[in-house]
């Protein structure tokens, strides 16, 4: 299964840097919930793909990525640098941040812990894997998710908007020339 980024740390660095740019310190719990939501929505929006090579397991407050948890136990590691993130991934992560970044760690904990993929895994005990299949099912097509106020995948992947010379919003897509007929 192809990944959109080379390392889970690329997503971690993106979120922590974005929070700092917004003059916010991102708490570890909030970071893990945002990573979880990003992985889930990315896999729904781009079927068959994972945003990052990550596995989420249950913790007493919600999903965590154990490698990131261990790596950042004493703060951001100083000797690790992230890989560049593509414009499309940046746009996607920016959408996640705009949609969920406003919530506190506690609010995200409550919200995500109530979602069936997390709740079902937590019912089995701590350290249980939250499968990508369960995430995709709930965040993608499950009618219960819609009733619970979970954003639709189309809300998470929007076309890039720019302004015309008149100030009107216009959707922007990459241009691909037509093939020449020979």
Protein backbone atom coordinates (compact mmCIF):
# COMPACT_ATOMS: atom_id res chain seq x y z
CA UNK A 1 0.00 0.00 0.00
CA UNK A 2 1.64 3.30 -1.05
CA UNK A 3 2.07 6.06 1.53
CA UNK A 4 1.63 9.76 0.80
CA UNK A 5 4.57 10.69 3.06
CA UNK A 6 7.82 8.84 3.71
CA UNK A 7 7.58 8.89 7.50
CA UNK A 8 4.98 9.41 10.17
CA UNK A 9 7.32 12.01 11.61
CA UNK A 10 6.72 14.16 8.52
CA UNK A 11 3.07 14.51 9.58
CA UNK A 12 4.06 15.09 13.21
CA UNK A 13 6.47 17.86 12.22
CA UNK A 14 3.85 19.40 9.92
CA UNK A 15 1.26 19.58 12.73
CA UNK A 16 3.72 20.84 15.36
CA UNK A 17 5.10 23.48 12.99
CA UNK A 18 1.60 24.55 11.97
CA UNK A 19 0.61 24.91 15.62
CA UNK A 20 3.70 27.02 16.30
CA UNK A 21 2.89 29.20 13.28
CA UNK A 22 -0.54 29.76 14.85
CA UNK A 23 1.21 30.57 18.18
CA UNK A 24 -0.08 27.42 19.81
CA UNK A 25 1.67 24.64 21.66
CA UNK A 26 0.22 21.34 20.50
CA UNK A 27 -0.27 18.89 23.33
CA UNK A 28 0.81 15.30 22.63
CA UNK A 29 -2.75 13.99 23.05
CA UNK A 30 -4.08 16.51 20.55
CA UNK A 31 -1.28 15.63 18.14
CA UNK A 32 -2.15 11.92 18.27
CA UNK A 33 -5.86 12.57 17.71
CA UNK A 34 -5.11 14.83 14.73
CA UNK A 35 -2.79 12.19 13.27
CA UNK A 36 -5.48 9.55 13.75
CA UNK A 37 -8.13 11.68 12.04
CA UNK A 38 -5.74 12.57 9.23
CA UNK A 39 -4.94 8.90 8.59
CA UNK A 40 -8.63 7.95 8.62
CA UNK A 41 -9.84 10.72 6.34
CA UNK A 42 -6.92 10.34 3.94
CA UNK A 43 -7.65 6.62 3.51
CA UNK A 44 -11.30 7.41 2.85
CA UNK A 45 -10.53 10.20 0.39
CA UNK A 46 -7.84 8.20 -1.43
CA UNK A 47 -8.99 4.55 -1.34
CA UNK A 48 -6.19 2.04 -0.98
CA UNK A 49 -3.70 4.62 0.30
CA UNK A 50 -2.46 5.51 3.73
CA UNK A 51 -1.26 8.98 4.55
CA UNK A 52 1.63 7.67 6.62
CA UNK A 53 3.19 4.39 7.72
CA UNK A 54 1.48 4.41 11.11
CA UNK A 55 -0.42 2.01 13.32
CA UNK A 56 -2.78 3.36 15.95
CA UNK A 57 -3.45 1.56 19.20
CA UNK A 58 -5.72 2.27 22.15
CA UNK A 59 -4.55 4.24 25.14
CA UNK A 60 -6.59 5.21 28.18
CA UNK A 61 -7.66 8.47 26.49
CA UNK A 62 -7.84 7.45 22.85
CA UNK A 63 -5.72 6.41 19.88
CA UNK A 64 -1.95 6.83 19.90
CA UNK A 65 0.79 5.98 17.46
CA UNK A 66 3.29 4.10 19.68
CA UNK A 67 6.46 4.96 17.77
CA UNK A 68 5.64 8.67 17.83
CA UNK A 69 4.63 8.39 21.49
CA UNK A 70 8.00 6.86 22.36
CA UNK A 71 10.03 9.21 20.13
CA UNK A 72 8.42 12.36 21.56
CA UNK A 73 8.26 11.22 25.20
CA UNK A 74 10.72 13.96 26.23
CA UNK A 75 9.86 16.57 23.60
CA UNK A 76 10.70 17.02 19.96
CA UNK A 77 13.89 15.17 19.04
CA UNK A 78 16.58 17.64 17.97
CA UNK A 79 18.56 15.43 15.61
CA UNK A 80 15.65 14.36 13.40
CA UNK A 81 14.59 16.30 10.33
CA UNK A 82 11.44 15.74 8.35
CA UNK A 83 11.11 15.05 4.66
CA UNK A 84 9.45 17.56 2.34
CA UNK A 85 5.68 17.14 2.14
CA UNK A 86 3.96 17.52 -1.24
CA UNK A 87 1.55 20.36 -1.91
CA UNK A 88 -1.42 17.99 -2.03
CA UNK A 89 -0.54 16.49 1.36
CA UNK A 90 -0.01 19.99 2.77
CA UNK A 91 -3.43 21.00 1.47
CA UNK A 92 -5.00 17.90 3.01
CA UNK A 93 -3.30 18.39 6.40
CA UNK A 94 -4.27 22.05 6.35
CA UNK A 95 -7.90 20.99 5.94
CA UNK A 96 -7.59 18.64 8.93
CA UNK A 97 -6.00 21.42 10.97
CA UNK A 98 -8.70 23.95 10.05
CA UNK A 99 -11.46 21.45 10.86
CA UNK A 100 -10.10 19.92 14.08
CA UNK A 101 -7.22 22.13 15.23
CA UNK A 102 -9.60 24.46 17.01
CA UNK A 103 -10.48 21.78 19.57
CA UNK A 104 -8.57 21.28 22.79
CA UNK A 105 -6.93 17.95 23.56
CA UNK A 106 -9.76 17.11 25.96
CA UNK A 107 -12.45 17.90 23.38
CA UNK A 108 -10.73 15.76 20.75
CA UNK A 109 -10.29 12.95 23.29
CA UNK A 110 -14.02 12.89 24.02
CA UNK A 111 -15.01 13.23 20.38
CA UNK A 112 -12.69 10.54 18.99
CA UNK A 113 -13.09 8.09 21.91
CA UNK A 114 -16.83 7.97 21.18
CA UNK A 115 -16.31 6.96 17.55
CA UNK A 116 -16.93 3.22 17.00
CA UNK A 117 -13.47 2.28 15.63
CA UNK A 118 -11.86 3.63 18.79
CA UNK A 119 -14.62 2.61 21.22
CA UNK A 120 -14.69 -0.96 19.88
CA UNK A 121 -10.91 -1.33 20.14
CA UNK A 122 -10.89 0.23 23.62
CA UNK A 123 -13.56 -2.25 24.73
CA UNK A 124 -11.05 -5.01 23.97
CA UNK A 125 -8.44 -3.35 26.19
CA UNK A 126 -5.46 -1.06 26.12
CA UNK A 127 -2.88 -1.57 23.40
CA UNK A 128 -5.40 -2.92 20.89
CA UNK A 129 -4.88 -1.93 17.27
CA UNK A 130 -7.48 0.30 15.68
CA UNK A 131 -7.66 -1.13 12.19
CA UNK A 132 -7.59 1.01 9.09
CA UNK A 133 -10.58 -0.95 7.75
CA UNK A 134 -12.67 0.09 10.77
CA UNK A 135 -11.53 3.68 10.38
CA UNK A 136 -12.42 3.78 6.69
CA UNK A 137 -15.80 2.17 7.29
CA UNK A 138 -16.80 4.65 9.97
CA UNK A 139 -15.37 7.85 8.54
CA UNK A 140 -16.31 6.98 4.99
CA UNK A 141 -19.73 5.47 4.54
CA UNK A 142 -21.27 4.62 7.89
CA UNK A 143 -24.61 6.41 8.31
CA UNK A 144 -24.07 6.56 12.08
CA UNK A 145 -21.02 8.73 11.46
CA UNK A 146 -23.12 11.22 9.57
CA UNK A 147 -25.57 11.39 12.47
CA UNK A 148 -22.73 11.87 14.96
CA UNK A 149 -21.62 15.05 13.21
CA UNK A 150 -18.54 13.53 11.63
CA UNK A 151 -17.56 15.52 8.54
CA UNK A 152 -18.04 13.81 5.20
CA UNK A 153 -14.84 12.88 3.33
CA UNK A 154 -15.69 15.42 0.63
CA UNK A 155 -15.45 18.13 3.28
CA UNK A 156 -11.90 17.03 4.00
CA UNK A 157 -10.65 17.08 0.41
CA UNK A 158 -11.71 20.29 -1.25
CA UNK A 159 -10.39 21.76 -4.46
CA UNK A 160 -7.80 24.47 -4.10
CA UNK A 161 -9.48 27.86 -4.24
CA UNK A 162 -7.96 31.04 -5.56
CA UNK A 163 -9.40 34.43 -6.46
CA UNK A 164 -10.00 35.73 -9.98
CA UNK A 165 -9.10 39.29 -10.94
CA UNK A 166 -12.68 40.21 -9.96
CA UNK A 167 -12.24 38.71 -6.49
CA UNK A 168 -14.51 35.74 -7.14
CA UNK A 169 -13.51 32.36 -5.69
CA UNK A 170 -12.54 29.85 -8.38
CA UNK A 171 -11.54 26.20 -8.07
CA UNK A 172 -8.06 25.45 -9.35
CA UNK A 173 -6.97 22.12 -10.83
CA UNK A 174 -3.74 21.06 -12.44
CA UNK A 175 -3.76 21.49 -16.19
CA UNK A 176 -2.79 18.52 -18.32
CA UNK A 177 -2.42 19.05 -22.05
CA UNK A 178 -4.33 16.79 -24.39
CA UNK A 179 -2.41 14.08 -26.15
CA UNK A 180 -1.49 14.79 -29.76
CA UNK A 181 -3.26 12.71 -32.35
CA UNK A 182 -0.80 11.01 -34.65
